[in-house]
C-alpha cells in the first residue's frame, strides 16, 4: 500500500494505534513509505549534497541549505564516496 504523502507525520505510530484501537505494527505497515520511494529520495538528497560539496561549500553551509545536521551531511557524503558518487576525501 504505502504512504499517501511523504510528508512528516505529526503523531507517532503509538498514538495513531491507540486512537484507532490497532497495533503499532499494523499502523507502521500501513503508513510506511515504499522502499523504492525512500531509496529514490535518499539518492536525490545525496546527489544534492555532492553537488553542493563540488561547488566548494563547507559541510555547515550544505547543512543549512538542505535543512539538516552537519552529521547527516557527513554521512550522505560518506555514502556517496562509498558508492563512487564522489571522489575520496583528500
PDB file of N, CA and C in Angstrom:
ATOM      1  N   UNK A   1       0.834  -1.182   0.000  1.00  0.00           N
ATOM      2  CA  UNK A   1       0.000   0.000   0.000  1.00  0.00           C
ATOM      3  C   UNK A   1       0.876   1.242   0.000  1.00  0.00           C
ATOM      4  N   UNK A   2       1.468   1.643   1.108  1.00  0.00           N
ATOM      5  CA  UNK A   2       2.394   2.754   1.139  1.00  0.00           C
ATOM      6  C   UNK A   2       1.788   4.041   1.648  1.00  0.00           C
ATOM      7  N   UNK A   3       2.658   4.974   1.916  1.00  0.00           N
ATOM      8  CA  UNK A   3       2.246   6.266   2.449  1.00  0.00           C
ATOM      9  C   UNK A   3       1.535   7.083   1.388  1.00  0.00           C
ATOM     10  N   UNK A   4       0.504   7.785   1.818  1.00  0.00           N
ATOM     11  CA  UNK A   4      -0.222   8.638   0.884  1.00  0.00           C
ATOM     12  C   UNK A   4       0.597   9.876   0.545  1.00  0.00           C
ATOM     13  N   UNK A   5       1.316  10.415   1.499  1.00  0.00           N
ATOM     14  CA  UNK A   5       2.159  11.576   1.255  1.00  0.00           C
ATOM     15  C   UNK A   5       3.474  11.387   1.997  1.00  0.00           C
ATOM     16  N   UNK A   6       4.579  11.748   1.385  1.00  0.00           N
ATOM     17  CA  UNK A   6       5.866  11.549   2.033  1.00  0.00           C
ATOM     18  C   UNK A   6       6.168  12.574   3.116  1.00  0.00           C
ATOM     19  N   UNK A   7       5.226  13.481   3.414  1.00  0.00           N
ATOM     20  CA  UNK A   7       5.452  14.491   4.439  1.00  0.00           C
ATOM     21  C   UNK A   7       5.585  13.849   5.816  1.00  0.00           C
ATOM     22  N   UNK A   8       6.313  14.510   6.684  1.00  0.00           N
ATOM     23  CA  UNK A   8       6.479  14.016   8.051  1.00  0.00           C
ATOM     24  C   UNK A   8       5.135  14.038   8.768  1.00  0.00           C
ATOM     25  N   UNK A   9       4.939  13.051   9.587  1.00  0.00           N
ATOM     26  CA  UNK A   9       3.678  12.959  10.326  1.00  0.00           C
ATOM     27  C   UNK A   9       3.811  13.653  11.670  1.00  0.00           C
ATOM     28  N   UNK A  10       2.698  14.120  12.199  1.00  0.00           N
ATOM     29  CA  UNK A  10       2.713  14.831  13.463  1.00  0.00           C
ATOM     30  C   UNK A  10       2.456  13.912  14.658  1.00  0.00           C
ATOM     31  N   UNK A  11       1.970  12.701  14.415  1.00  0.00           N
ATOM     32  CA  UNK A  11       1.688  11.765  15.502  1.00  0.00           C
ATOM     33  C   UNK A  11       2.514  10.501  15.314  1.00  0.00           C
ATOM     34  N   UNK A  12       2.866   9.883  16.424  1.00  0.00           N
ATOM     35  CA  UNK A  12       3.639   8.645  16.365  1.00  0.00           C
ATOM     36  C   UNK A  12       2.725   7.472  16.039  1.00  0.00           C
ATOM     37  N   UNK A  13       3.336   6.367  15.653  1.00  0.00           N
ATOM     38  CA  UNK A  13       2.570   5.147  15.374  1.00  0.00           C
ATOM     39  C   UNK A  13       1.830   4.700  16.623  1.00  0.00           C
ATOM     40  N   UNK A  14       2.440   4.881  17.774  1.00  0.00           N
ATOM     41  CA  UNK A  14       1.799   4.505  19.037  1.00  0.00           C
ATOM     42  C   UNK A  14       0.524   5.320  19.264  1.00  0.00           C
ATOM     43  N   UNK A  15       0.593   6.624  19.007  1.00  0.00           N
ATOM     44  CA  UNK A  15      -0.580   7.489  19.194  1.00  0.00           C
ATOM     45  C   UNK A  15      -1.694   7.127  18.217  1.00  0.00           C
ATOM     46  N   UNK A  16      -1.338   6.881  16.963  1.00  0.00           N
ATOM     47  CA  UNK A  16      -2.335   6.514  15.959  1.00  0.00           C
ATOM     48  C   UNK A  16      -2.964   5.168  16.316  1.00  0.00           C
ATOM     49  N   UNK A  17      -2.131   4.208  16.727  1.00  0.00           N
ATOM     50  CA  UNK A  17      -2.635   2.883  17.087  1.00  0.00           C
ATOM     51  C   UNK A  17      -3.613   2.977  18.250  1.00  0.00           C
ATOM     52  N   UNK A  18      -3.286   3.785  19.251  1.00  0.00           N
ATOM     53  CA  UNK A  18      -4.170   3.933  20.407  1.00  0.00           C
ATOM     54  C   UNK A  18      -5.504   4.555  20.009  1.00  0.00           C
ATOM     55  N   UNK A  19      -5.455   5.543  19.111  1.00  0.00           N
ATOM     56  CA  UNK A  19      -6.702   6.205  18.718  1.00  0.00           C
ATOM     57  C   UNK A  19      -7.571   5.310  17.837  1.00  0.00           C
ATOM     58  N   UNK A  20      -6.959   4.383  17.098  1.00  0.00           N
ATOM     59  CA  UNK A  20      -7.717   3.509  16.200  1.00  0.00           C
ATOM     60  C   UNK A  20      -8.019   2.135  16.810  1.00  0.00           C
ATOM     61  N   UNK A  21      -7.369   1.841  17.914  1.00  0.00           N
ATOM     62  CA  UNK A  21      -7.559   0.529  18.513  1.00  0.00           C
ATOM     63  C   UNK A  21      -6.861  -0.569  17.728  1.00  0.00           C
ATOM     64  N   UNK A  22      -5.748  -0.221  17.094  1.00  0.00           N
ATOM     65  CA  UNK A  22      -4.976  -1.184  16.307  1.00  0.00           C
ATOM     66  C   UNK A  22      -3.588  -1.325  16.931  1.00  0.00           C
ATOM     67  N   UNK A  23      -2.799  -2.251  16.428  1.00  0.00           N
ATOM     68  CA  UNK A  23      -1.442  -2.413  16.949  1.00  0.00           C
ATOM     69  C   UNK A  23      -0.503  -1.422  16.253  1.00  0.00           C
ATOM     70  N   UNK A  24       0.595  -1.106  16.936  1.00  0.00           N
ATOM     71  CA  UNK A  24       1.598  -0.211  16.344  1.00  0.00           C
ATOM     72  C   UNK A  24       2.155  -0.809  15.060  1.00  0.00           C
ATOM     73  N   UNK A  25       2.368  -2.099  15.073  1.00  0.00           N
ATOM     74  CA  UNK A  25       2.930  -2.775  13.898  1.00  0.00           C
ATOM     75  C   UNK A  25       2.019  -2.616  12.686  1.00  0.00           C
ATOM     76  N   UNK A  26       0.713  -2.761  12.903  1.00  0.00           N
ATOM     77  CA  UNK A  26      -0.247  -2.595  11.808  1.00  0.00           C
ATOM     78  C   UNK A  26      -0.197  -1.171  11.268  1.00  0.00           C
ATOM     79  N   UNK A  27      -0.145  -0.206  12.169  1.00  0.00           N
ATOM     80  CA  UNK A  27      -0.088   1.201  11.749  1.00  0.00           C
ATOM     81  C   UNK A  27       1.177   1.454  10.947  1.00  0.00           C
ATOM     82  N   UNK A  28       2.315   0.971  11.426  1.00  0.00           N
ATOM     83  CA  UNK A  28       3.580   1.182  10.700  1.00  0.00           C
ATOM     84  C   UNK A  28       3.538   0.553   9.311  1.00  0.00           C
ATOM     85  N   UNK A  29       2.959  -0.637   9.222  1.00  0.00           N
ATOM     86  CA  UNK A  29       2.882  -1.335   7.931  1.00  0.00           C
ATOM     87  C   UNK A  29       2.027  -0.552   6.937  1.00  0.00           C
ATOM     88  N   UNK A  30       0.935   0.029   7.429  1.00  0.00           N
ATOM     89  CA  UNK A  30       0.011   0.735   6.545  1.00  0.00           C
ATOM     90  C   UNK A  30       0.564   2.084   6.101  1.00  0.00           C
ATOM     91  N   UNK A  31       1.223   2.807   7.011  1.00  0.00           N
ATOM     92  CA  UNK A  31       1.654   4.159   6.661  1.00  0.00           C
ATOM     93  C   UNK A  31       3.097   4.238   6.171  1.00  0.00           C
ATOM     94  N   UNK A  32       3.782   3.118   6.117  1.00  0.00           N
ATOM     95  CA  UNK A  32       5.190   3.120   5.715  1.00  0.00           C
ATOM     96  C   UNK A  32       5.361   3.561   4.263  1.00  0.00           C
ATOM     97  N   UNK A  33       6.448   4.266   4.026  1.00  0.00           N
ATOM     98  CA  UNK A  33       6.809   4.687   2.676  1.00  0.00           C
ATOM     99  C   UNK A  33       7.411   3.484   1.949  1.00  0.00           C
ATOM    100  N   UNK A  34       7.010   3.255   0.711  1.00  0.00           N
ATOM    101  CA  UNK A  34       7.602   2.137  -0.037  1.00  0.00           C
ATOM    102  C   UNK A  34       9.133   2.275  -0.128  1.00  0.00           C
ATOM    103  N   UNK A  35       9.842   1.162  -0.031  1.00  0.00           N
ATOM    104  CA  UNK A  35      11.305   1.165  -0.016  1.00  0.00           C
ATOM    105  C   UNK A  35      11.899   1.875  -1.232  1.00  0.00           C
ATOM    106  N   UNK A  36      11.328   1.629  -2.417  1.00  0.00           N
ATOM    107  CA  UNK A  36      11.859   2.243  -3.639  1.00  0.00           C
ATOM    108  C   UNK A  36      11.759   3.773  -3.561  1.00  0.00           C
ATOM    109  N   UNK A  37      10.649   4.277  -3.022  1.00  0.00           N
ATOM    110  CA  UNK A  37      10.471   5.722  -2.889  1.00  0.00           C
ATOM    111  C   UNK A  37      11.489   6.301  -1.920  1.00  0.00           C
ATOM    112  N   UNK A  38      11.697   5.613  -0.793  1.00  0.00           N
ATOM    113  CA  UNK A  38      12.671   6.063   0.198  1.00  0.00           C
ATOM    114  C   UNK A  38      14.070   6.109  -0.415  1.00  0.00           C
ATOM    115  N   UNK A  39      14.450   5.039  -1.126  1.00  0.00           N
ATOM    116  CA  UNK A  39      15.787   4.985  -1.716  1.00  0.00           C
ATOM    117  C   UNK A  39      15.963   6.041  -2.797  1.00  0.00           C
ATOM    118  N   UNK A  40      14.924   6.295  -3.594  1.00  0.00           N
ATOM    119  CA  UNK A  40      14.992   7.332  -4.622  1.00  0.00           C
ATOM    120  C   UNK A  40      15.200   8.701  -3.979  1.00  0.00           C
ATOM    121  N   UNK A  41      14.427   8.970  -2.913  1.00  0.00           N
ATOM    122  CA  UNK A  41      14.543  10.252  -2.217  1.00  0.00           C
ATOM    123  C   UNK A  41      15.926  10.401  -1.584  1.00  0.00           C
ATOM    124  N   UNK A  42      16.459   9.322  -1.027  1.00  0.00           N
ATOM    125  CA  UNK A  42      17.797   9.349  -0.417  1.00  0.00           C
ATOM    126  C   UNK A  42      18.865   9.627  -1.476  1.00  0.00           C
ATOM    127  N   UNK A  43      18.739   9.000  -2.659  1.00  0.00           N
ATOM    128  CA  UNK A  43      19.699   9.248  -3.749  1.00  0.00           C
ATOM    129  C   UNK A  43      19.661  10.711  -4.185  1.00  0.00           C
ATOM    130  N   UNK A  44      18.451  11.265  -4.287  1.00  0.00           N
ATOM    131  CA  UNK A  44      18.312  12.669  -4.698  1.00  0.00           C
ATOM    132  C   UNK A  44      18.961  13.606  -3.682  1.00  0.00           C
ATOM    133  N   UNK A  45      18.733  13.344  -2.387  1.00  0.00           N
ATOM    134  CA  UNK A  45      19.336  14.178  -1.343  1.00  0.00           C
ATOM    135  C   UNK A  45      20.859  14.039  -1.357  1.00  0.00           C
ATOM    136  N   UNK A  46      21.340  12.807  -1.549  1.00  0.00           N
ATOM    137  CA  UNK A  46      22.781  12.579  -1.616  1.00  0.00           C
ATOM    138  C   UNK A  46      23.391  13.320  -2.800  1.00  0.00           C
ATOM    139  N   UNK A  47      22.702  13.292  -3.957  1.00  0.00           N
ATOM    140  CA  UNK A  47      23.198  13.999  -5.145  1.00  0.00           C
ATOM    141  C   UNK A  47      23.259  15.496  -4.894  1.00  0.00           C
ATOM    142  N   UNK A  48      22.246  16.036  -4.222  1.00  0.00           N
ATOM    143  CA  UNK A  48      22.243  17.457  -3.887  1.00  0.00           C
ATOM    144  C   UNK A  48      23.440  17.794  -3.007  1.00  0.00           C
ATOM    145  N   UNK A  49      23.707  16.968  -1.997  1.00  0.00           N
ATOM    146  CA  UNK A  49      24.848  17.190  -1.097  1.00  0.00           C
ATOM    147  C   UNK A  49      26.162  17.123  -1.871  1.00  0.00           C
ATOM    148  N   UNK A  50      26.280  16.158  -2.775  1.00  0.00           N
ATOM    149  CA  UNK A  50      27.502  16.016  -3.586  1.00  0.00           C
ATOM    150  C   UNK A  50      27.678  17.246  -4.477  1.00  0.00           C
ATOM    151  N   UNK A  51      26.612  17.688  -5.124  1.00  0.00           N
ATOM    152  CA  UNK A  51      26.698  18.866  -6.000  1.00  0.00           C
ATOM    153  C   UNK A  51      27.141  20.106  -5.222  1.00  0.00           C
ATOM    154  N   UNK A  52      26.576  20.303  -4.043  1.00  0.00           N
ATOM    155  CA  UNK A  52      26.947  21.459  -3.227  1.00  0.00           C
ATOM    156  C   UNK A  52      28.397  21.363  -2.767  1.00  0.00           C
ATOM    157  N   UNK A  53      28.838  20.149  -2.424  1.00  0.00           N
ATOM    158  CA  UNK A  53      30.227  19.963  -1.994  1.00  0.00           C
ATOM    159  C   UNK A  53      31.184  20.231  -3.150  1.00  0.00           C
ATOM    160  N   UNK A  54      30.803  19.799  -4.350  1.00  0.00           N
ATOM    161  CA  UNK A  54      31.655  20.030  -5.520  1.00  0.00           C
ATOM    162  C   UNK A  54      31.720  21.511  -5.883  1.00  0.00           C
ATOM    163  N   UNK A  55      30.748  22.289  -5.435  1.00  0.00           N
ATOM    164  CA  UNK A  55      30.768  23.743  -5.632  1.00  0.00           C
ATOM    165  C   UNK A  55      31.697  24.421  -4.627  1.00  0.00           C
ATOM    166  N   UNK A  56      32.268  23.627  -3.715  1.00  0.00           N
ATOM    167  CA  UNK A  56      33.211  24.150  -2.736  1.00  0.00           C
ATOM    168  C   UNK A  56      32.580  24.567  -1.419  1.00  0.00           C
ATOM    169  N   UNK A  57      31.327  24.212  -1.200  1.00  0.00           N
ATOM    170  CA  UNK A  57      30.669  24.593   0.049  1.00  0.00           C
ATOM    171  C   UNK A  57      31.143  23.710   1.197  1.00  0.00           C
ATOM    172  N   UNK A  58      31.153  24.301   2.383  1.00  0.00           N
ATOM    173  CA  UNK A  58      31.537  23.566   3.587  1.00  0.00           C
ATOM    174  C   UNK A  58      30.340  22.783   4.101  1.00  0.00           C
ATOM    175  N   UNK A  59      30.623  21.807   4.961  1.00  0.00           N
ATOM    176  CA  UNK A  59      29.563  20.950   5.496  1.00  0.00           C
ATOM    177  C   UNK A  59      28.458  21.782   6.158  1.00  0.00           C
ATOM    178  N   UNK A  60      28.830  22.792   6.943  1.00  0.00           N
ATOM    179  CA  UNK A  60      27.848  23.638   7.638  1.00  0.00           C
ATOM    180  C   UNK A  60      26.956  24.365   6.624  1.00  0.00           C
ATOM    181  N   UNK A  61      27.539  24.865   5.553  1.00  0.00           N
ATOM    182  CA  UNK A  61      26.752  25.570   4.520  1.00  0.00           C
ATOM    183  C   UNK A  61      25.789  24.607   3.830  1.00  0.00           C
ATOM    184  N   UNK A  62      26.250  23.401   3.555  1.00  0.00           N
ATOM    185  CA  UNK A  62      25.394  22.387   2.928  1.00  0.00           C
ATOM    186  C   UNK A  62      24.249  22.035   3.872  1.00  0.00           C
ATOM    187  N   UNK A  63      24.570  21.845   5.142  1.00  0.00           N
ATOM    188  CA  UNK A  63      23.547  21.501   6.140  1.00  0.00           C
ATOM    189  C   UNK A  63      22.497  22.601   6.239  1.00  0.00           C
ATOM    190  N   UNK A  64      22.918  23.833   6.272  1.00  0.00           N
ATOM    191  CA  UNK A  64      21.979  24.954   6.354  1.00  0.00           C
ATOM    192  C   UNK A  64      21.086  25.012   5.123  1.00  0.00           C
ATOM    193  N   UNK A  65      21.678  24.810   3.959  1.00  0.00           N
ATOM    194  CA  UNK A  65      20.916  24.878   2.711  1.00  0.00           C
ATOM    195  C   UNK A  65      19.929  23.718   2.581  1.00  0.00           C
ATOM    196  N   UNK A  66      20.330  22.536   3.060  1.00  0.00           N
ATOM    197  CA  UNK A  66      19.473  21.363   2.932  1.00  0.00           C
ATOM    198  C   UNK A  66      18.529  21.181   4.116  1.00  0.00           C
ATOM    199  N   UNK A  67      18.729  21.971   5.172  1.00  0.00           N
ATOM    200  CA  UNK A  67      17.864  21.867   6.337  1.00  0.00           C
ATOM    201  C   UNK A  67      18.086  20.602   7.139  1.00  0.00           C
ATOM    202  N   UNK A  68      19.347  20.218   7.295  1.00  0.00           N
ATOM    203  CA  UNK A  68      19.667  19.022   8.072  1.00  0.00           C
ATOM    204  C   UNK A  68      20.900  19.308   8.918  1.00  0.00           C
ATOM    205  N   UNK A  69      21.365  18.311   9.652  1.00  0.00           N
ATOM    206  CA  UNK A  69      22.523  18.495  10.525  1.00  0.00           C
ATOM    207  C   UNK A  69      23.828  18.271   9.751  1.00  0.00           C
ATOM    208  N   UNK A  70      24.907  18.758  10.332  1.00  0.00           N
ATOM    209  CA  UNK A  70      26.233  18.548   9.745  1.00  0.00           C
ATOM    210  C   UNK A  70      26.553  17.056   9.723  1.00  0.00           C
ATOM    211  N   UNK A  71      26.120  16.342  10.749  1.00  0.00           N
ATOM    212  CA  UNK A  71      26.335  14.894  10.807  1.00  0.00           C
ATOM    213  C   UNK A  71      25.653  14.179   9.655  1.00  0.00           C
ATOM    214  N   UNK A  72      24.442  14.612   9.302  1.00  0.00           N
ATOM    215  CA  UNK A  72      23.734  13.998   8.176  1.00  0.00           C
ATOM    216  C   UNK A  72      24.466  14.283   6.866  1.00  0.00           C
ATOM    217  N   UNK A  73      24.978  15.490   6.721  1.00  0.00           N
ATOM    218  CA  UNK A  73      25.737  15.828   5.514  1.00  0.00           C
ATOM    219  C   UNK A  73      26.974  14.942   5.436  1.00  0.00           C
ATOM    220  N   UNK A  74      27.661  14.816   6.553  1.00  0.00           N
ATOM    221  CA  UNK A  74      28.854  13.974   6.603  1.00  0.00           C
ATOM    222  C   UNK A  74      28.518  12.546   6.187  1.00  0.00           C
ATOM    223  N   UNK A  75      27.423  12.014   6.712  1.00  0.00           N
ATOM    224  CA  UNK A  75      27.036  10.639   6.382  1.00  0.00           C
ATOM    225  C   UNK A  75      26.646  10.513   4.904  1.00  0.00           C
ATOM    226  N   UNK A  76      25.893  11.473   4.379  1.00  0.00           N
ATOM    227  CA  UNK A  76      25.496  11.419   2.960  1.00  0.00           C
ATOM    228  C   UNK A  76      26.731  11.415   2.065  1.00  0.00           C
ATOM    229  N   UNK A  77      27.716  12.254   2.394  1.00  0.00           N
ATOM    230  CA  UNK A  77      28.929  12.316   1.579  1.00  0.00           C
ATOM    231  C   UNK A  77      29.775  11.044   1.761  1.00  0.00           C
ATOM    232  N   UNK A  78      29.752  10.481   2.962  1.00  0.00           N
ATOM    233  CA  UNK A  78      30.444   9.204   3.203  1.00  0.00           C
ATOM    234  C   UNK A  78      29.850   8.113   2.306  1.00  0.00           C
ATOM    235  N   UNK A  79      28.524   8.024   2.277  1.00  0.00           N
ATOM    236  CA  UNK A  79      27.852   7.014   1.451  1.00  0.00           C
ATOM    237  C   UNK A  79      28.125   7.276  -0.026  1.00  0.00           C
ATOM    238  N   UNK A  80      28.132   8.559  -0.416  1.00  0.00           N
ATOM    239  CA  UNK A  80      28.408   8.913  -1.817  1.00  0.00           C
ATOM    240  C   UNK A  80      29.819   8.468  -2.206  1.00  0.00           C
ATOM    241  N   UNK A  81      30.791   8.681  -1.316  1.00  0.00           N
ATOM    242  CA  UNK A  81      32.156   8.229  -1.604  1.00  0.00           C
ATOM    243  C   UNK A  81      32.214   6.716  -1.721  1.00  0.00           C
ATOM    244  N   UNK A  82      31.527   6.048  -0.794  1.00  0.00           N
ATOM    245  CA  UNK A  82      31.499   4.584  -0.780  1.00  0.00           C
ATOM    246  C   UNK A  82      30.889   4.037  -2.076  1.00  0.00           C
ATOM    247  N   UNK A  83      29.874   4.716  -2.609  1.00  0.00           N
ATOM    248  CA  UNK A  83      29.206   4.291  -3.826  1.00  0.00           C
ATOM    249  C   UNK A  83      29.876   4.817  -5.099  1.00  0.00           C
ATOM    250  N   UNK A  84      30.995   5.543  -4.938  1.00  0.00           N
ATOM    251  CA  UNK A  84      31.708   6.075  -6.086  1.00  0.00           C
ATOM    252  C   UNK A  84      31.055   7.296  -6.715  1.00  0.00           C
ATOM    253  N   UNK A  85      30.147   7.950  -5.979  1.00  0.00           N
ATOM    254  CA  UNK A  85      29.465   9.141  -6.494  1.00  0.00           C
ATOM    255  C   UNK A  85      30.269  10.408  -6.221  1.00  0.00           C
ATOM    256  N   UNK A  86      31.303  10.295  -5.398  1.00  0.00           N
ATOM    257  CA  UNK A  86      32.132  11.431  -5.024  1.00  0.00           C
ATOM    258  C   UNK A  86      33.549  10.918  -4.873  1.00  0.00           C
ATOM    259  N   UNK A  87      34.546  11.665  -5.365  1.00  0.00           N
ATOM    260  CA  UNK A  87      35.936  11.207  -5.204  1.00  0.00           C
ATOM    261  C   UNK A  87      36.316  11.119  -3.729  1.00  0.00           C
ATOM    262  N   UNK A  88      37.286  10.289  -3.386  1.00  0.00           N
ATOM    263  CA  UNK A  88      37.719  10.161  -1.985  1.00  0.00           C
ATOM    264  C   UNK A  88      38.165  11.505  -1.427  1.00  0.00           C
ATOM    265  N   UNK A  89      37.969  11.700  -0.120  1.00  0.00           N
ATOM    266  CA  UNK A  89      38.385  12.929   0.550  1.00  0.00           C
ATOM    267  C   UNK A  89      39.896  13.028   0.542  1.00  0.00           C
ATOM    268  N   UNK A  90      40.379  14.255   0.442  1.00  0.00           N
ATOM    269  CA  UNK A  90      41.831  14.446   0.441  1.00  0.00           C
ATOM    270  C   UNK A  90      42.276  15.140   1.700  1.00  0.00           C
TER     271      UNK A  90
END
